């Protein structure tokens, strides 16, 4: 069964468009949108299981240049 999560993202303000473009290229990212409020963007990820999801977040998404901080919320 696939695991879904939402990542709330704070970015370096000068790189928002470029950062969104790079996040969209990550396999497993279903969408990413800029948003208003305390976070700059929200992304939806999907993986086969929790281990894959963890690897996706830590080795792919968090490595994108321009991301300052994230909060990952796993869908239940």
PDB file of N, CA and C in Angstrom:
ATOM      1  N   UNK A   1       0.843  -1.182   0.000  1.00  0.00           N
ATOM      2  CA  UNK A   1       0.000   0.000   0.000  1.00  0.00           C
ATOM      3  C   UNK A   1       0.884   1.239   0.000  1.00  0.00           C
ATOM      4  N   UNK A   2       0.597   2.172  -0.863  1.00  0.00           N
ATOM      5  CA  UNK A   2       1.389   3.396  -0.991  1.00  0.00           C
ATOM      6  C   UNK A   2       1.212   4.286   0.233  1.00  0.00           C
ATOM      7  N   UNK A   3       2.280   4.998   0.562  1.00  0.00           N
ATOM      8  CA  UNK A   3       2.279   5.954   1.664  1.00  0.00           C
ATOM      9  C   UNK A   3       2.335   7.340   1.058  1.00  0.00           C
ATOM     10  N   UNK A   4       1.504   8.244   1.588  1.00  0.00           N
ATOM     11  CA  UNK A   4       1.434   9.610   1.090  1.00  0.00           C
ATOM     12  C   UNK A   4       1.823  10.565   2.203  1.00  0.00           C
ATOM     13  N   UNK A   5       2.523  11.646   1.850  1.00  0.00           N
ATOM     14  CA  UNK A   5       2.890  12.656   2.835  1.00  0.00           C
ATOM     15  C   UNK A   5       2.849  14.032   2.197  1.00  0.00           C
ATOM     16  N   UNK A   6       2.662  15.018   3.039  1.00  0.00           N
ATOM     17  CA  UNK A   6       2.713  16.416   2.628  1.00  0.00           C
ATOM     18  C   UNK A   6       3.920  17.031   3.315  1.00  0.00           C
ATOM     19  N   UNK A   7       4.676  17.806   2.574  1.00  0.00           N
ATOM     20  CA  UNK A   7       5.828  18.489   3.151  1.00  0.00           C
ATOM     21  C   UNK A   7       5.579  19.988   3.067  1.00  0.00           C
ATOM     22  N   UNK A   8       5.597  20.637   4.224  1.00  0.00           N
ATOM     23  CA  UNK A   8       5.491  22.088   4.301  1.00  0.00           C
ATOM     24  C   UNK A   8       6.912  22.623   4.233  1.00  0.00           C
ATOM     25  N   UNK A   9       7.145  23.587   3.357  1.00  0.00           N
ATOM     26  CA  UNK A   9       8.514  23.993   3.028  1.00  0.00           C
ATOM     27  C   UNK A   9       8.725  25.490   3.233  1.00  0.00           C
ATOM     28  N   UNK A  10       9.814  25.831   3.926  1.00  0.00           N
ATOM     29  CA  UNK A  10      10.311  27.201   3.982  1.00  0.00           C
ATOM     30  C   UNK A  10      11.519  27.259   3.061  1.00  0.00           C
ATOM     31  N   UNK A  11      11.577  28.326   2.247  1.00  0.00           N
ATOM     32  CA  UNK A  11      12.660  28.452   1.279  1.00  0.00           C
ATOM     33  C   UNK A  11      13.425  29.749   1.473  1.00  0.00           C
ATOM     34  N   UNK A  12      14.610  29.776   0.878  1.00  0.00           N
ATOM     35  CA  UNK A  12      15.356  31.017   0.776  1.00  0.00           C
ATOM     36  C   UNK A  12      14.579  31.887  -0.212  1.00  0.00           C
ATOM     37  N   UNK A  13      14.175  33.061   0.202  1.00  0.00           N
ATOM     38  CA  UNK A  13      13.218  33.861  -0.572  1.00  0.00           C
ATOM     39  C   UNK A  13      13.679  34.210  -1.983  1.00  0.00           C
ATOM     40  N   UNK A  14      14.964  34.293  -2.223  1.00  0.00           N
ATOM     41  CA  UNK A  14      15.434  34.675  -3.558  1.00  0.00           C
ATOM     42  C   UNK A  14      15.388  33.536  -4.572  1.00  0.00           C
ATOM     43  N   UNK A  15      15.103  32.319  -4.114  1.00  0.00           N
ATOM     44  CA  UNK A  15      15.170  31.178  -5.035  1.00  0.00           C
ATOM     45  C   UNK A  15      13.864  30.405  -5.158  1.00  0.00           C
ATOM     46  N   UNK A  16      12.745  31.007  -4.811  1.00  0.00           N
ATOM     47  CA  UNK A  16      11.479  30.270  -4.799  1.00  0.00           C
ATOM     48  C   UNK A  16      11.135  29.635  -6.146  1.00  0.00           C
ATOM     49  N   UNK A  17      11.090  30.363  -7.262  1.00  0.00           N
ATOM     50  CA  UNK A  17      10.716  29.705  -8.527  1.00  0.00           C
ATOM     51  C   UNK A  17      11.660  28.573  -8.927  1.00  0.00           C
ATOM     52  N   UNK A  18      12.961  28.789  -8.748  1.00  0.00           N
ATOM     53  CA  UNK A  18      13.929  27.767  -9.106  1.00  0.00           C
ATOM     54  C   UNK A  18      13.797  26.542  -8.200  1.00  0.00           C
ATOM     55  N   UNK A  19      13.569  26.779  -6.918  1.00  0.00           N
ATOM     56  CA  UNK A  19      13.422  25.677  -5.965  1.00  0.00           C
ATOM     57  C   UNK A  19      12.180  24.850  -6.288  1.00  0.00           C
ATOM     58  N   UNK A  20      11.069  25.495  -6.590  1.00  0.00           N
ATOM     59  CA  UNK A  20       9.846  24.772  -6.960  1.00  0.00           C
ATOM     60  C   UNK A  20      10.087  23.903  -8.190  1.00  0.00           C
ATOM     61  N   UNK A  21      10.786  24.437  -9.168  1.00  0.00           N
ATOM     62  CA  UNK A  21      11.091  23.679 -10.388  1.00  0.00           C
ATOM     63  C   UNK A  21      11.906  22.437 -10.066  1.00  0.00           C
ATOM     64  N   UNK A  22      12.908  22.570  -9.208  1.00  0.00           N
ATOM     65  CA  UNK A  22      13.755  21.437  -8.846  1.00  0.00           C
ATOM     66  C   UNK A  22      12.990  20.393  -8.031  1.00  0.00           C
ATOM     67  N   UNK A  23      12.127  20.827  -7.130  1.00  0.00           N
ATOM     68  CA  UNK A  23      11.320  19.874  -6.345  1.00  0.00           C
ATOM     69  C   UNK A  23      10.413  19.071  -7.262  1.00  0.00           C
ATOM     70  N   UNK A  24       9.821  19.721  -8.254  1.00  0.00           N
ATOM     71  CA  UNK A  24       8.918  19.030  -9.192  1.00  0.00           C
ATOM     72  C   UNK A  24       9.631  17.922  -9.956  1.00  0.00           C
ATOM     73  N   UNK A  25      10.938  18.011 -10.116  1.00  0.00           N
ATOM     74  CA  UNK A  25      11.710  17.010 -10.865  1.00  0.00           C
ATOM     75  C   UNK A  25      11.972  15.740 -10.063  1.00  0.00           C
ATOM     76  N   UNK A  26      11.758  15.774  -8.750  1.00  0.00           N
ATOM     77  CA  UNK A  26      12.056  14.623  -7.892  1.00  0.00           C
ATOM     78  C   UNK A  26      10.999  13.538  -8.101  1.00  0.00           C
ATOM     79  N   UNK A  27      11.458  12.334  -8.426  1.00  0.00           N
ATOM     80  CA  UNK A  27      10.541  11.207  -8.614  1.00  0.00           C
ATOM     81  C   UNK A  27       9.861  10.896  -7.278  1.00  0.00           C
ATOM     82  N   UNK A  28       8.542  10.829  -7.284  1.00  0.00           N
ATOM     83  CA  UNK A  28       7.770  10.602  -6.069  1.00  0.00           C
ATOM     84  C   UNK A  28       7.020  11.851  -5.618  1.00  0.00           C
ATOM     85  N   UNK A  29       7.413  13.008  -6.149  1.00  0.00           N
ATOM     86  CA  UNK A  29       6.692  14.250  -5.849  1.00  0.00           C
ATOM     87  C   UNK A  29       5.508  14.327  -6.801  1.00  0.00           C
ATOM     88  N   UNK A  30       4.305  14.339  -6.245  1.00  0.00           N
ATOM     89  CA  UNK A  30       3.091  14.386  -7.058  1.00  0.00           C
ATOM     90  C   UNK A  30       2.723  15.808  -7.445  1.00  0.00           C
ATOM     91  N   UNK A  31       2.916  16.760  -6.525  1.00  0.00           N
ATOM     92  CA  UNK A  31       2.739  18.173  -6.847  1.00  0.00           C
ATOM     93  C   UNK A  31       3.480  19.009  -5.816  1.00  0.00           C
ATOM     94  N   UNK A  32       3.766  20.229  -6.188  1.00  0.00           N
ATOM     95  CA  UNK A  32       4.297  21.225  -5.258  1.00  0.00           C
ATOM     96  C   UNK A  32       3.732  22.572  -5.686  1.00  0.00           C
ATOM     97  N   UNK A  33       3.210  23.307  -4.726  1.00  0.00           N
ATOM     98  CA  UNK A  33       2.627  24.623  -4.988  1.00  0.00           C
ATOM     99  C   UNK A  33       3.158  25.633  -3.996  1.00  0.00           C
ATOM    100  N   UNK A  34       3.365  26.863  -4.454  1.00  0.00           N
ATOM    101  CA  UNK A  34       3.660  27.964  -3.552  1.00  0.00           C
ATOM    102  C   UNK A  34       2.370  28.289  -2.807  1.00  0.00           C
ATOM    103  N   UNK A  35       2.483  28.638  -1.528  1.00  0.00           N
ATOM    104  CA  UNK A  35       1.312  28.953  -0.709  1.00  0.00           C
ATOM    105  C   UNK A  35       1.583  30.202   0.124  1.00  0.00           C
ATOM    106  N   UNK A  36       0.522  30.769   0.671  1.00  0.00           N
ATOM    107  CA  UNK A  36       0.660  31.887   1.591  1.00  0.00           C
ATOM    108  C   UNK A  36       0.643  31.358   3.020  1.00  0.00           C
ATOM    109  N   UNK A  37       1.086  32.181   3.952  1.00  0.00           N
ATOM    110  CA  UNK A  37       1.084  31.779   5.349  1.00  0.00           C
ATOM    111  C   UNK A  37       2.496  31.555   5.849  1.00  0.00           C
ATOM    112  N   UNK A  38       2.640  30.761   6.912  1.00  0.00           N
ATOM    113  CA  UNK A  38       3.956  30.590   7.535  1.00  0.00           C
ATOM    114  C   UNK A  38       4.932  29.748   6.702  1.00  0.00           C
ATOM    115  N   UNK A  39       4.448  29.037   5.697  1.00  0.00           N
ATOM    116  CA  UNK A  39       5.305  28.251   4.820  1.00  0.00           C
ATOM    117  C   UNK A  39       5.247  28.825   3.415  1.00  0.00           C
ATOM    118  N   UNK A  40       6.281  28.558   2.629  1.00  0.00           N
ATOM    119  CA  UNK A  40       6.366  29.084   1.263  1.00  0.00           C
ATOM    120  C   UNK A  40       5.760  28.149   0.227  1.00  0.00           C
ATOM    121  N   UNK A  41       5.749  26.848   0.540  1.00  0.00           N
ATOM    122  CA  UNK A  41       5.249  25.864  -0.421  1.00  0.00           C
ATOM    123  C   UNK A  41       4.780  24.620   0.305  1.00  0.00           C
ATOM    124  N   UNK A  42       3.971  23.829  -0.410  1.00  0.00           N
ATOM    125  CA  UNK A  42       3.550  22.516   0.081  1.00  0.00           C
ATOM    126  C   UNK A  42       3.719  21.527  -1.064  1.00  0.00           C
ATOM    127  N   UNK A  43       4.254  20.354  -0.734  1.00  0.00           N
ATOM    128  CA  UNK A  43       4.455  19.306  -1.729  1.00  0.00           C
ATOM    129  C   UNK A  43       3.767  18.033  -1.258  1.00  0.00           C
ATOM    130  N   UNK A  44       3.245  17.277  -2.197  1.00  0.00           N
ATOM    131  CA  UNK A  44       2.695  15.959  -1.881  1.00  0.00           C
ATOM    132  C   UNK A  44       3.643  14.919  -2.461  1.00  0.00           C
ATOM    133  N   UNK A  45       4.011  13.951  -1.615  1.00  0.00           N
ATOM    134  CA  UNK A  45       4.894  12.865  -2.025  1.00  0.00           C
ATOM    135  C   UNK A  45       4.161  11.544  -1.886  1.00  0.00           C
ATOM    136  N   UNK A  46       4.579  10.580  -2.690  1.00  0.00           N
ATOM    137  CA  UNK A  46       4.024   9.239  -2.588  1.00  0.00           C
ATOM    138  C   UNK A  46       5.157   8.231  -2.744  1.00  0.00           C
ATOM    139  N   UNK A  47       5.153   7.219  -1.879  1.00  0.00           N
ATOM    140  CA  UNK A  47       6.181   6.180  -1.902  1.00  0.00           C
ATOM    141  C   UNK A  47       5.526   4.834  -1.601  1.00  0.00           C
ATOM    142  N   UNK A  48       6.256   3.768  -1.882  1.00  0.00           N
ATOM    143  CA  UNK A  48       5.728   2.415  -1.679  1.00  0.00           C
ATOM    144  C   UNK A  48       5.528   2.093  -0.207  1.00  0.00           C
ATOM    145  N   UNK A  49       6.419   2.593   0.672  1.00  0.00           N
ATOM    146  CA  UNK A  49       6.324   2.315   2.102  1.00  0.00           C
ATOM    147  C   UNK A  49       7.027   3.419   2.880  1.00  0.00           C
ATOM    148  N   UNK A  50       7.009   3.330   4.212  1.00  0.00           N
ATOM    149  CA  UNK A  50       7.592   4.378   5.050  1.00  0.00           C
ATOM    150  C   UNK A  50       9.107   4.491   4.861  1.00  0.00           C
ATOM    151  N   UNK A  51       9.784   3.375   4.664  1.00  0.00           N
ATOM    152  CA  UNK A  51      11.226   3.428   4.446  1.00  0.00           C
ATOM    153  C   UNK A  51      11.559   4.205   3.175  1.00  0.00           C
ATOM    154  N   UNK A  52      10.848   3.916   2.106  1.00  0.00           N
ATOM    155  CA  UNK A  52      11.071   4.625   0.848  1.00  0.00           C
ATOM    156  C   UNK A  52      10.723   6.101   1.006  1.00  0.00           C
ATOM    157  N   UNK A  53       9.652   6.388   1.714  1.00  0.00           N
ATOM    158  CA  UNK A  53       9.263   7.775   1.943  1.00  0.00           C
ATOM    159  C   UNK A  53      10.364   8.525   2.696  1.00  0.00           C
ATOM    160  N   UNK A  54      10.894   7.898   3.724  1.00  0.00           N
ATOM    161  CA  UNK A  54      11.973   8.518   4.487  1.00  0.00           C
ATOM    162  C   UNK A  54      13.192   8.802   3.624  1.00  0.00           C
ATOM    163  N   UNK A  55      13.552   7.857   2.788  1.00  0.00           N
ATOM    164  CA  UNK A  55      14.694   8.052   1.883  1.00  0.00           C
ATOM    165  C   UNK A  55      14.404   9.158   0.872  1.00  0.00           C
ATOM    166  N   UNK A  56      13.180   9.185   0.370  1.00  0.00           N
ATOM    167  CA  UNK A  56      12.791  10.210  -0.596  1.00  0.00           C
ATOM    168  C   UNK A  56      12.939  11.614   0.008  1.00  0.00           C
ATOM    169  N   UNK A  57      12.459  11.765   1.234  1.00  0.00           N
ATOM    170  CA  UNK A  57      12.535  13.068   1.901  1.00  0.00           C
ATOM    171  C   UNK A  57      13.984  13.431   2.197  1.00  0.00           C
ATOM    172  N   UNK A  58      14.718  12.528   2.819  1.00  0.00           N
ATOM    173  CA  UNK A  58      16.058  12.872   3.300  1.00  0.00           C
ATOM    174  C   UNK A  58      17.140  12.909   2.224  1.00  0.00           C
ATOM    175  N   UNK A  59      17.015  12.065   1.217  1.00  0.00           N
ATOM    176  CA  UNK A  59      18.082  12.020   0.214  1.00  0.00           C
ATOM    177  C   UNK A  59      17.759  12.758  -1.076  1.00  0.00           C
ATOM    178  N   UNK A  60      16.515  13.114  -1.280  1.00  0.00           N
ATOM    179  CA  UNK A  60      16.147  13.809  -2.518  1.00  0.00           C
ATOM    180  C   UNK A  60      15.600  15.216  -2.240  1.00  0.00           C
ATOM    181  N   UNK A  61      14.469  15.291  -1.545  1.00  0.00           N
ATOM    182  CA  UNK A  61      13.808  16.585  -1.361  1.00  0.00           C
ATOM    183  C   UNK A  61      14.666  17.545  -0.543  1.00  0.00           C
ATOM    184  N   UNK A  62      15.195  17.091   0.580  1.00  0.00           N
ATOM    185  CA  UNK A  62      15.977  17.984   1.434  1.00  0.00           C
ATOM    186  C   UNK A  62      17.299  18.407   0.810  1.00  0.00           C
ATOM    187  N   UNK A  63      17.722  17.755  -0.250  1.00  0.00           N
ATOM    188  CA  UNK A  63      18.965  18.115  -0.938  1.00  0.00           C
ATOM    189  C   UNK A  63      18.761  19.217  -1.972  1.00  0.00           C
ATOM    190  N   UNK A  64      17.509  19.590  -2.252  1.00  0.00           N
ATOM    191  CA  UNK A  64      17.231  20.628  -3.247  1.00  0.00           C
ATOM    192  C   UNK A  64      17.728  21.971  -2.723  1.00  0.00           C
ATOM    193  N   UNK A  65      18.518  22.641  -3.525  1.00  0.00           N
ATOM    194  CA  UNK A  65      19.044  23.953  -3.162  1.00  0.00           C
ATOM    195  C   UNK A  65      17.904  24.948  -3.006  1.00  0.00           C
ATOM    196  N   UNK A  66      17.947  25.722  -1.924  1.00  0.00           N
ATOM    197  CA  UNK A  66      16.931  26.740  -1.689  1.00  0.00           C
ATOM    198  C   UNK A  66      15.968  26.385  -0.582  1.00  0.00           C
ATOM    199  N   UNK A  67      15.959  25.120  -0.149  1.00  0.00           N
ATOM    200  CA  UNK A  67      15.095  24.715   0.956  1.00  0.00           C
ATOM    201  C   UNK A  67      15.801  25.042   2.268  1.00  0.00           C
ATOM    202  N   UNK A  68      15.120  25.808   3.114  1.00  0.00           N
ATOM    203  CA  UNK A  68      15.688  26.185   4.403  1.00  0.00           C
ATOM    204  C   UNK A  68      15.231  25.254   5.515  1.00  0.00           C
ATOM    205  N   UNK A  69      13.930  24.896   5.509  1.00  0.00           N
ATOM    206  CA  UNK A  69      13.353  24.092   6.592  1.00  0.00           C
ATOM    207  C   UNK A  69      12.097  23.409   6.069  1.00  0.00           C
ATOM    208  N   UNK A  70      11.794  22.223   6.618  1.00  0.00           N
ATOM    209  CA  UNK A  70      10.583  21.499   6.206  1.00  0.00           C
ATOM    210  C   UNK A  70       9.872  20.908   7.418  1.00  0.00           C
ATOM    211  N   UNK A  71       8.614  20.590   7.197  1.00  0.00           N
ATOM    212  CA  UNK A  71       7.813  19.839   8.159  1.00  0.00           C
ATOM    213  C   UNK A  71       7.078  18.782   7.357  1.00  0.00           C
ATOM    214  N   UNK A  72       7.335  17.511   7.652  1.00  0.00           N
ATOM    215  CA  UNK A  72       6.708  16.413   6.922  1.00  0.00           C
ATOM    216  C   UNK A  72       5.512  15.896   7.697  1.00  0.00           C
ATOM    217  N   UNK A  73       4.372  15.791   7.007  1.00  0.00           N
ATOM    218  CA  UNK A  73       3.121  15.311   7.611  1.00  0.00           C
ATOM    219  C   UNK A  73       2.665  14.084   6.817  1.00  0.00           C
ATOM    220  N   UNK A  74       2.740  12.906   7.431  1.00  0.00           N
ATOM    221  CA  UNK A  74       2.336  11.682   6.775  1.00  0.00           C
ATOM    222  C   UNK A  74       0.801  11.579   6.824  1.00  0.00           C
ATOM    223  N   UNK A  75       0.202  11.295   5.678  1.00  0.00           N
ATOM    224  CA  UNK A  75      -1.260  11.134   5.599  1.00  0.00           C
ATOM    225  C   UNK A  75      -1.651   9.815   6.262  1.00  0.00           C
ATOM    226  N   UNK A  76      -2.755   9.833   7.003  1.00  0.00           N
ATOM    227  CA  UNK A  76      -3.229   8.622   7.673  1.00  0.00           C
ATOM    228  C   UNK A  76      -4.554   8.166   7.118  1.00  0.00           C
TER     229      UNK A  76
END
